[in-house]
Amino acid sequence: SEHQYTWDITNDETWDFDIQMYHDIVVKPGATLTIKCRVGMANRGRIIVERGARLIIDGGEVYAWGSNWAGIQVWGTTAMKQKIEASGLSLDQGIVNIINDGTVADAENGITTIKYDGQGNWDWGGYTGGIIQCDGARFINNWRAIQYLSYRNFNSNNATMPNLGYVQNSLF
């Protein structure tokens, strides 16, 4: 079936070689994938940044080598606050950083802060809260560049705090 096989990132990796993917990329908790090259994604392909994982597109480009790809899902934990540790990871939220003209092109949803189920529907089972930080990003020819789903960041006193995500100096 579709998306049956995945390319799992379980340790920190930096890709600096162009590659054409035939599988979804899944960045697992505790790992960071840094993309500094061109990565072609298959039709309906996805990059999933799980809770506690990080994706950095540092001057690289992720694009469709077919007609279009599904895009990046950054999973969070709805009931937990956003906090970035000294390691650059968040224990409860996935993180996507796009810097230095990093590009997301030809996607249905360039980046979304929700998990999709096997049928392509939103999984409201507590997956919002993923962190998107873009400074110098490029979003080209996407149906939707960024899809932020409802999430309330809070501190230990249950007061609402600003979301740690931001988009600045970026091209849409």
N, C-alpha and C. Protein backbone atom coordinates (compact mmCIF):
# COMPACT_ATOMS: atom_id res chain seq x y z
N SER A 1 0.84 -1.19 0.00
CA SER A 1 0.00 0.00 0.00
C SER A 1 0.88 1.25 0.00
N GLU A 2 0.27 2.38 -0.23
CA GLU A 2 0.99 3.64 -0.29
C GLU A 2 1.64 3.93 1.06
N HIS A 3 2.84 4.43 1.04
CA HIS A 3 3.58 4.82 2.25
C HIS A 3 3.87 3.64 3.16
N GLN A 4 3.94 2.44 2.61
CA GLN A 4 4.19 1.26 3.42
C GLN A 4 5.63 1.23 3.91
N TYR A 5 6.55 1.68 3.08
CA TYR A 5 7.97 1.65 3.44
C TYR A 5 8.44 3.08 3.69
N THR A 6 9.24 3.26 4.73
CA THR A 6 9.73 4.60 5.06
C THR A 6 11.24 4.58 5.17
N TRP A 7 11.83 5.74 4.96
CA TRP A 7 13.26 5.94 5.16
C TRP A 7 13.38 6.62 6.52
N ASP A 8 13.76 5.87 7.55
CA ASP A 8 13.78 6.39 8.92
C ASP A 8 15.13 7.01 9.25
N ILE A 9 15.07 8.20 9.82
CA ILE A 9 16.26 8.91 10.28
C ILE A 9 16.28 8.74 11.81
N THR A 10 17.23 7.94 12.31
CA THR A 10 17.28 7.63 13.75
C THR A 10 18.45 8.29 14.46
N ASN A 11 19.39 8.85 13.69
CA ASN A 11 20.53 9.58 14.23
C ASN A 11 20.67 10.88 13.44
N ASP A 12 21.44 11.82 13.95
CA ASP A 12 21.66 13.06 13.23
C ASP A 12 22.32 12.76 11.88
N GLU A 13 21.78 13.34 10.82
CA GLU A 13 22.32 13.17 9.48
C GLU A 13 22.29 14.51 8.77
N THR A 14 23.32 14.77 7.96
CA THR A 14 23.36 15.93 7.08
C THR A 14 23.46 15.40 5.66
N TRP A 15 22.49 15.79 4.83
CA TRP A 15 22.49 15.38 3.43
C TRP A 15 23.04 16.54 2.61
N ASP A 16 24.13 16.27 1.87
CA ASP A 16 24.72 17.28 1.01
C ASP A 16 24.89 16.73 -0.41
N PHE A 17 24.07 15.74 -0.75
CA PHE A 17 24.10 15.10 -2.06
C PHE A 17 22.67 15.07 -2.59
N ASP A 18 22.48 15.40 -3.85
CA ASP A 18 21.13 15.37 -4.42
C ASP A 18 20.62 13.93 -4.44
N ILE A 19 19.33 13.77 -4.16
CA ILE A 19 18.76 12.42 -4.06
C ILE A 19 17.30 12.45 -4.52
N GLN A 20 16.88 11.35 -5.10
CA GLN A 20 15.49 11.17 -5.50
C GLN A 20 14.90 10.09 -4.61
N MET A 21 13.89 10.44 -3.82
CA MET A 21 13.31 9.51 -2.84
C MET A 21 12.13 8.74 -3.45
N TYR A 22 12.05 7.48 -3.07
CA TYR A 22 10.91 6.64 -3.45
C TYR A 22 10.06 6.30 -2.23
N HIS A 23 10.52 6.70 -1.05
CA HIS A 23 9.81 6.41 0.20
C HIS A 23 9.59 7.70 0.97
N ASP A 24 8.66 7.66 1.90
CA ASP A 24 8.50 8.76 2.84
C ASP A 24 9.75 8.82 3.72
N ILE A 25 10.10 10.02 4.15
CA ILE A 25 11.19 10.21 5.11
C ILE A 25 10.54 10.43 6.48
N VAL A 26 10.99 9.68 7.49
CA VAL A 26 10.46 9.86 8.85
C VAL A 26 11.64 10.18 9.77
N VAL A 27 11.62 11.38 10.34
CA VAL A 27 12.66 11.77 11.29
C VAL A 27 12.16 11.37 12.67
N LYS A 28 12.90 10.48 13.32
CA LYS A 28 12.49 9.85 14.57
C LYS A 28 12.93 10.70 15.77
N PRO A 29 12.28 10.52 16.93
CA PRO A 29 12.61 11.29 18.13
C PRO A 29 14.10 11.22 18.47
N GLY A 30 14.67 12.37 18.81
CA GLY A 30 16.08 12.45 19.17
C GLY A 30 17.00 12.69 18.00
N ALA A 31 16.47 12.65 16.77
CA ALA A 31 17.30 12.80 15.57
C ALA A 31 17.03 14.13 14.87
N THR A 32 18.05 14.63 14.17
CA THR A 32 17.93 15.83 13.34
C THR A 32 18.39 15.46 11.93
N LEU A 33 17.57 15.79 10.93
CA LEU A 33 17.97 15.66 9.53
C LEU A 33 18.19 17.07 9.00
N THR A 34 19.40 17.33 8.48
CA THR A 34 19.72 18.61 7.87
C THR A 34 19.88 18.39 6.37
N ILE A 35 19.13 19.15 5.59
CA ILE A 35 19.14 19.03 4.13
C ILE A 35 19.83 20.26 3.54
N LYS A 36 20.95 20.01 2.84
CA LYS A 36 21.72 21.08 2.20
C LYS A 36 21.80 20.84 0.69
N CYS A 37 20.93 20.01 0.16
CA CYS A 37 20.99 19.58 -1.24
C CYS A 37 19.58 19.62 -1.82
N ARG A 38 19.41 19.02 -3.00
CA ARG A 38 18.09 18.89 -3.61
C ARG A 38 17.56 17.49 -3.33
N VAL A 39 16.36 17.43 -2.76
CA VAL A 39 15.71 16.16 -2.45
C VAL A 39 14.40 16.10 -3.23
N GLY A 40 14.32 15.17 -4.18
CA GLY A 40 13.10 14.98 -4.96
C GLY A 40 12.20 13.98 -4.27
N MET A 41 10.95 14.36 -4.04
CA MET A 41 9.99 13.50 -3.36
C MET A 41 9.02 12.89 -4.37
N ALA A 42 8.68 11.63 -4.16
CA ALA A 42 7.76 10.91 -5.03
C ALA A 42 6.34 11.47 -4.89
N ASN A 43 5.49 11.13 -5.86
CA ASN A 43 4.08 11.54 -5.79
C ASN A 43 3.48 11.11 -4.46
N ARG A 44 2.80 12.04 -3.81
CA ARG A 44 2.12 11.84 -2.52
C ARG A 44 3.12 11.55 -1.39
N GLY A 45 4.41 11.69 -1.66
CA GLY A 45 5.43 11.44 -0.63
C GLY A 45 5.35 12.45 0.49
N ARG A 46 5.87 12.06 1.65
CA ARG A 46 5.80 12.91 2.84
C ARG A 46 7.15 12.91 3.56
N ILE A 47 7.39 14.00 4.26
CA ILE A 47 8.43 14.02 5.29
C ILE A 47 7.68 14.19 6.60
N ILE A 48 7.89 13.24 7.52
CA ILE A 48 7.24 13.30 8.82
C ILE A 48 8.30 13.58 9.87
N VAL A 49 8.09 14.67 10.61
CA VAL A 49 8.98 15.04 11.71
C VAL A 49 8.22 14.69 12.98
N GLU A 50 8.59 13.57 13.59
CA GLU A 50 7.86 13.09 14.77
C GLU A 50 8.15 13.98 15.98
N ARG A 51 7.36 13.78 17.02
CA ARG A 51 7.58 14.49 18.28
C ARG A 51 9.00 14.23 18.76
N GLY A 52 9.71 15.29 19.14
CA GLY A 52 11.08 15.13 19.62
C GLY A 52 12.12 15.05 18.53
N ALA A 53 11.72 15.27 17.26
CA ALA A 53 12.64 15.21 16.12
C ALA A 53 12.75 16.61 15.51
N ARG A 54 13.73 16.77 14.61
CA ARG A 54 13.95 18.08 14.00
C ARG A 54 14.36 17.91 12.55
N LEU A 55 13.83 18.77 11.68
CA LEU A 55 14.22 18.86 10.27
C LEU A 55 14.74 20.26 10.04
N ILE A 56 15.94 20.36 9.46
CA ILE A 56 16.51 21.65 9.09
C ILE A 56 16.73 21.63 7.58
N ILE A 57 16.11 22.56 6.87
CA ILE A 57 16.39 22.74 5.45
C ILE A 57 17.28 23.97 5.36
N ASP A 58 18.58 23.72 5.22
CA ASP A 58 19.61 24.76 5.26
C ASP A 58 20.14 24.99 3.85
N GLY A 59 19.45 25.85 3.11
CA GLY A 59 19.85 26.14 1.74
C GLY A 59 19.48 25.06 0.74
N GLY A 60 18.95 23.94 1.23
CA GLY A 60 18.54 22.85 0.35
C GLY A 60 17.17 23.10 -0.24
N GLU A 61 16.73 22.18 -1.09
CA GLU A 61 15.41 22.27 -1.70
C GLU A 61 14.75 20.90 -1.68
N VAL A 62 13.50 20.87 -1.23
CA VAL A 62 12.70 19.65 -1.31
C VAL A 62 11.59 19.94 -2.31
N TYR A 63 11.48 19.11 -3.33
CA TYR A 63 10.58 19.37 -4.46
C TYR A 63 9.97 18.04 -4.92
N ALA A 64 8.99 18.13 -5.81
CA ALA A 64 8.36 16.93 -6.38
C ALA A 64 9.09 16.54 -7.65
N TRP A 65 9.53 15.29 -7.75
CA TRP A 65 10.08 14.82 -9.02
C TRP A 65 8.98 14.23 -9.89
N GLY A 66 7.79 14.10 -9.33
CA GLY A 66 6.62 13.73 -10.11
C GLY A 66 5.73 14.96 -10.23
N SER A 67 4.43 14.78 -10.01
CA SER A 67 3.53 15.93 -10.14
C SER A 67 3.48 16.76 -8.86
N ASN A 68 3.32 16.13 -7.72
CA ASN A 68 3.35 16.87 -6.46
C ASN A 68 3.58 15.88 -5.32
N TRP A 69 4.01 16.40 -4.19
CA TRP A 69 4.21 15.56 -3.01
C TRP A 69 3.34 16.11 -1.90
N ALA A 70 3.09 15.34 -0.87
CA ALA A 70 2.14 15.75 0.17
C ALA A 70 2.70 16.87 1.04
N GLY A 71 4.00 16.84 1.32
CA GLY A 71 4.60 17.89 2.13
C GLY A 71 5.14 17.38 3.45
N ILE A 72 5.48 18.33 4.32
CA ILE A 72 6.10 18.05 5.61
C ILE A 72 5.03 18.09 6.69
N GLN A 73 4.97 17.02 7.49
CA GLN A 73 4.12 17.01 8.69
C GLN A 73 5.04 17.15 9.89
N VAL A 74 4.80 18.15 10.72
CA VAL A 74 5.56 18.30 11.96
C VAL A 74 4.60 18.03 13.12
N TRP A 75 4.85 16.92 13.82
CA TRP A 75 3.94 16.47 14.87
C TRP A 75 4.30 17.12 16.20
N GLY A 76 3.26 17.50 16.91
CA GLY A 76 3.42 18.04 18.25
C GLY A 76 2.64 17.21 19.24
N THR A 77 2.62 17.70 20.48
CA THR A 77 1.80 17.12 21.54
C THR A 77 0.91 18.23 22.06
N THR A 78 -0.37 18.18 21.69
CA THR A 78 -1.31 19.26 21.97
C THR A 78 -1.31 19.67 23.45
N ALA A 79 -1.23 18.70 24.34
CA ALA A 79 -1.37 18.97 25.77
C ALA A 79 -0.08 19.44 26.44
N MET A 80 1.00 19.56 25.67
CA MET A 80 2.29 19.95 26.26
C MET A 80 2.76 21.29 25.71
N LYS A 81 3.50 22.04 26.54
CA LYS A 81 3.98 23.35 26.10
C LYS A 81 5.13 23.19 25.12
N GLN A 82 5.37 24.26 24.38
CA GLN A 82 6.50 24.31 23.47
C GLN A 82 7.72 24.76 24.26
N LYS A 83 8.77 23.94 24.22
CA LYS A 83 10.02 24.28 24.89
C LYS A 83 11.14 23.66 24.08
N ILE A 84 12.15 24.46 23.76
CA ILE A 84 13.30 23.96 23.00
C ILE A 84 14.47 23.80 23.97
N GLU A 85 15.00 22.60 24.01
CA GLU A 85 16.11 22.27 24.91
C GLU A 85 17.43 22.81 24.36
N ALA A 86 18.49 22.75 25.16
CA ALA A 86 19.83 23.20 24.74
C ALA A 86 20.31 22.41 23.52
N SER A 87 19.84 21.18 23.38
CA SER A 87 20.22 20.34 22.23
C SER A 87 19.63 20.84 20.91
N GLY A 88 18.68 21.77 20.99
CA GLY A 88 17.98 22.23 19.80
C GLY A 88 16.71 21.45 19.52
N LEU A 89 16.48 20.39 20.29
CA LEU A 89 15.28 19.58 20.15
C LEU A 89 14.24 19.98 21.19
N SER A 90 13.01 19.62 20.93
CA SER A 90 11.93 19.75 21.90
C SER A 90 11.52 18.32 22.28
N LEU A 91 11.31 18.07 23.54
CA LEU A 91 10.96 16.72 23.95
C LEU A 91 9.56 16.33 23.48
N ASP A 92 8.66 17.30 23.39
CA ASP A 92 7.26 17.01 23.11
C ASP A 92 6.78 17.44 21.73
N GLN A 93 7.56 18.27 21.05
CA GLN A 93 7.14 18.82 19.77
C GLN A 93 8.19 18.52 18.72
N GLY A 94 7.75 18.30 17.49
CA GLY A 94 8.67 18.27 16.37
C GLY A 94 9.02 19.70 15.99
N ILE A 95 10.16 19.88 15.32
CA ILE A 95 10.61 21.21 14.91
C ILE A 95 11.03 21.17 13.44
N VAL A 96 10.61 22.19 12.68
CA VAL A 96 11.09 22.39 11.31
C VAL A 96 11.72 23.77 11.26
N ASN A 97 13.00 23.82 10.87
CA ASN A 97 13.71 25.09 10.65
C ASN A 97 14.04 25.17 9.17
N ILE A 98 13.75 26.32 8.56
CA ILE A 98 14.16 26.56 7.18
C ILE A 98 14.96 27.86 7.17
N ILE A 99 16.22 27.77 6.68
CA ILE A 99 17.14 28.89 6.71
C ILE A 99 17.93 28.96 5.40
N ASN A 100 18.59 30.11 5.18
CA ASN A 100 19.54 30.28 4.07
C ASN A 100 18.95 29.93 2.70
N ASP A 101 17.75 30.45 2.42
CA ASP A 101 17.04 30.20 1.16
C ASP A 101 16.64 28.73 1.00
N GLY A 102 16.49 28.01 2.10
CA GLY A 102 15.94 26.66 2.03
C GLY A 102 14.57 26.74 1.37
N THR A 103 14.27 25.74 0.52
CA THR A 103 13.08 25.82 -0.33
C THR A 103 12.20 24.58 -0.19
N VAL A 104 10.90 24.83 -0.10
CA VAL A 104 9.89 23.77 -0.19
C VAL A 104 9.06 24.09 -1.42
N ALA A 105 9.04 23.17 -2.39
CA ALA A 105 8.36 23.43 -3.66
C ALA A 105 7.44 22.28 -4.04
N ASP A 106 6.37 22.61 -4.76
CA ASP A 106 5.49 21.64 -5.43
C ASP A 106 4.72 20.74 -4.46
N ALA A 107 4.48 21.19 -3.22
CA ALA A 107 3.79 20.35 -2.23
C ALA A 107 2.33 20.73 -2.11
N GLU A 108 1.53 19.75 -1.66
CA GLU A 108 0.14 20.05 -1.33
C GLU A 108 0.10 20.99 -0.13
N ASN A 109 0.75 20.61 0.96
CA ASN A 109 0.93 21.46 2.14
C ASN A 109 2.43 21.51 2.40
N GLY A 110 3.06 22.64 2.13
CA GLY A 110 4.49 22.75 2.35
C GLY A 110 4.87 22.22 3.73
N ILE A 111 4.27 22.80 4.76
CA ILE A 111 4.44 22.33 6.14
C ILE A 111 3.08 22.38 6.81
N THR A 112 2.75 21.34 7.54
CA THR A 112 1.52 21.33 8.33
C THR A 112 1.82 20.86 9.75
N THR A 113 1.08 21.39 10.70
CA THR A 113 1.29 21.04 12.11
C THR A 113 0.24 20.04 12.59
N ILE A 114 0.00 19.03 11.79
CA ILE A 114 -0.93 17.97 12.21
C ILE A 114 -0.49 16.66 11.57
N LYS A 115 -0.87 15.58 12.18
CA LYS A 115 -0.64 14.25 11.63
C LYS A 115 -1.85 13.90 10.75
N TYR A 116 -1.57 13.27 9.63
CA TYR A 116 -2.64 12.76 8.77
C TYR A 116 -2.74 11.26 8.97
N ASP A 117 -3.96 10.74 8.95
CA ASP A 117 -4.14 9.28 9.07
C ASP A 117 -3.94 8.64 7.69
N GLY A 118 -4.06 7.34 7.63
CA GLY A 118 -3.83 6.60 6.39
C GLY A 118 -4.75 6.97 5.25
N GLN A 119 -5.90 7.58 5.56
CA GLN A 119 -6.86 7.98 4.53
C GLN A 119 -6.69 9.45 4.13
N GLY A 120 -5.68 10.12 4.72
CA GLY A 120 -5.45 11.52 4.37
C GLY A 120 -6.27 12.50 5.17
N ASN A 121 -6.89 12.04 6.26
CA ASN A 121 -7.66 12.93 7.12
C ASN A 121 -6.83 13.38 8.32
N TRP A 122 -7.18 14.54 8.87
CA TRP A 122 -6.48 15.03 10.06
C TRP A 122 -6.67 14.06 11.21
N ASP A 123 -5.61 13.80 11.94
CA ASP A 123 -5.67 12.99 13.16
C ASP A 123 -5.65 13.96 14.34
N TRP A 124 -6.84 14.21 14.90
CA TRP A 124 -6.98 15.18 15.99
C TRP A 124 -6.59 14.58 17.33
N GLY A 125 -5.91 13.42 17.33
CA GLY A 125 -5.55 12.75 18.57
C GLY A 125 -4.38 13.37 19.31
N GLY A 126 -4.33 14.69 19.39
CA GLY A 126 -3.33 15.36 20.21
C GLY A 126 -2.02 15.64 19.52
N TYR A 127 -2.01 15.83 18.19
CA TYR A 127 -0.76 16.01 17.44
C TYR A 127 -0.44 17.46 17.07
N THR A 128 -1.24 18.44 17.48
CA THR A 128 -0.91 19.82 17.15
C THR A 128 0.16 20.34 18.11
N GLY A 129 0.78 21.46 17.77
CA GLY A 129 1.81 22.04 18.63
C GLY A 129 3.20 21.98 18.05
N GLY A 130 3.37 21.37 16.87
CA GLY A 130 4.68 21.34 16.23
C GLY A 130 5.19 22.75 15.99
N ILE A 131 6.51 22.91 15.99
CA ILE A 131 7.15 24.22 15.91
C ILE A 131 7.73 24.43 14.51
N ILE A 132 7.34 25.53 13.86
CA ILE A 132 7.86 25.92 12.55
C ILE A 132 8.62 27.23 12.72
N GLN A 133 9.89 27.23 12.36
CA GLN A 133 10.71 28.44 12.44
C GLN A 133 11.39 28.65 11.09
N CYS A 134 10.97 29.71 10.40
CA CYS A 134 11.50 30.00 9.06
C CYS A 134 12.12 31.38 9.05
N ASP A 135 13.37 31.46 8.64
CA ASP A 135 14.06 32.73 8.45
C ASP A 135 14.85 32.62 7.16
N GLY A 136 14.36 33.25 6.11
CA GLY A 136 14.99 33.13 4.81
C GLY A 136 14.52 31.90 4.06
N ALA A 137 13.27 31.51 4.26
CA ALA A 137 12.70 30.34 3.58
C ALA A 137 12.07 30.76 2.26
N ARG A 138 11.95 29.78 1.36
CA ARG A 138 11.29 30.00 0.08
C ARG A 138 10.22 28.92 -0.09
N PHE A 139 8.99 29.34 -0.34
CA PHE A 139 7.88 28.43 -0.60
C PHE A 139 7.42 28.68 -2.03
N ILE A 140 7.66 27.69 -2.92
CA ILE A 140 7.45 27.88 -4.35
C ILE A 140 6.44 26.86 -4.88
N ASN A 141 5.38 27.34 -5.54
CA ASN A 141 4.44 26.48 -6.25
C ASN A 141 3.79 25.42 -5.37
N ASN A 142 3.51 25.76 -4.11
CA ASN A 142 2.78 24.86 -3.21
C ASN A 142 1.31 25.22 -3.25
N TRP A 143 0.44 24.22 -3.06
CA TRP A 143 -0.98 24.52 -2.98
C TRP A 143 -1.24 25.36 -1.74
N ARG A 144 -0.62 25.01 -0.63
CA ARG A 144 -0.66 25.79 0.61
C ARG A 144 0.76 25.76 1.17
N ALA A 145 1.33 26.89 1.52
CA ALA A 145 2.71 26.94 2.00
C ALA A 145 2.81 26.39 3.43
N ILE A 146 2.04 26.98 4.36
CA ILE A 146 2.09 26.57 5.76
C ILE A 146 0.67 26.44 6.28
N GLN A 147 0.39 25.33 6.94
CA GLN A 147 -0.92 25.09 7.54
C GLN A 147 -0.72 24.92 9.06
N TYR A 148 -1.12 25.95 9.80
CA TYR A 148 -1.03 25.90 11.27
C TYR A 148 -2.39 25.47 11.81
N LEU A 149 -2.42 24.39 12.58
CA LEU A 149 -3.66 23.95 13.21
C LEU A 149 -3.74 24.50 14.63
N SER A 150 -4.93 24.55 15.17
CA SER A 150 -5.18 25.15 16.48
C SER A 150 -4.30 24.52 17.57
N TYR A 151 -3.63 25.41 18.32
CA TYR A 151 -2.78 24.97 19.43
C TYR A 151 -2.63 26.15 20.38
N ARG A 152 -2.73 25.88 21.67
CA ARG A 152 -2.58 26.91 22.69
C ARG A 152 -1.34 26.58 23.52
N ASN A 153 -0.33 27.42 23.42
CA ASN A 153 0.89 27.25 24.21
C ASN A 153 0.63 27.82 25.61
N PHE A 154 1.15 27.17 26.63
CA PHE A 154 0.86 27.60 28.00
C PHE A 154 2.08 27.32 28.88
N ASN A 155 2.10 27.97 30.05
CA ASN A 155 3.18 27.68 30.99
C ASN A 155 2.62 26.91 32.18
N SER A 156 3.45 26.70 33.21
CA SER A 156 3.03 25.87 34.34
C SER A 156 1.87 26.49 35.12
N ASN A 157 1.68 27.81 34.99
CA ASN A 157 0.54 28.46 35.65
C ASN A 157 -0.69 28.47 34.76
N ASN A 158 -0.62 27.75 33.64
CA ASN A 158 -1.71 27.64 32.67
C ASN A 158 -2.01 28.97 31.97
N ALA A 159 -1.05 29.89 32.01
CA ALA A 159 -1.20 31.15 31.27
C ALA A 159 -0.77 30.92 29.82
N THR A 160 -1.48 31.57 28.90
CA THR A 160 -1.15 31.41 27.49
C THR A 160 0.16 32.13 27.18
N MET A 161 1.05 31.44 26.47
CA MET A 161 2.35 31.97 26.09
C MET A 161 2.41 32.09 24.57
N PRO A 162 3.32 32.92 24.04
CA PRO A 162 3.45 33.00 22.58
C PRO A 162 3.92 31.67 22.00
N ASN A 163 3.45 31.37 20.80
CA ASN A 163 3.93 30.21 20.07
C ASN A 163 5.38 30.46 19.69
N LEU A 164 6.24 29.45 19.77
CA LEU A 164 7.65 29.60 19.44
C LEU A 164 7.92 29.66 17.93
N GLY A 165 6.90 29.38 17.15
CA GLY A 165 7.06 29.41 15.71
C GLY A 165 7.09 30.83 15.16
N TYR A 166 7.77 31.01 14.03
CA TYR A 166 7.80 32.29 13.35
C TYR A 166 8.15 32.08 11.87
N VAL A 167 7.77 33.06 11.07
CA VAL A 167 8.16 33.10 9.65
C VAL A 167 8.59 34.53 9.38
N GLN A 168 9.85 34.70 8.99
CA GLN A 168 10.36 36.04 8.69
C GLN A 168 11.32 35.97 7.52
N ASN A 169 11.44 37.09 6.81
CA ASN A 169 12.36 37.21 5.67
C ASN A 169 12.17 36.07 4.67
N SER A 170 10.93 35.67 4.45
CA SER A 170 10.65 34.49 3.62
C SER A 170 9.82 34.87 2.40
N LEU A 171 9.94 34.04 1.36
CA LEU A 171 9.29 34.28 0.08
C LEU A 171 8.17 33.27 -0.12
N PHE A 172 7.00 33.78 -0.52
CA PHE A 172 5.85 32.92 -0.82
C PHE A 172 5.42 33.16 -2.25
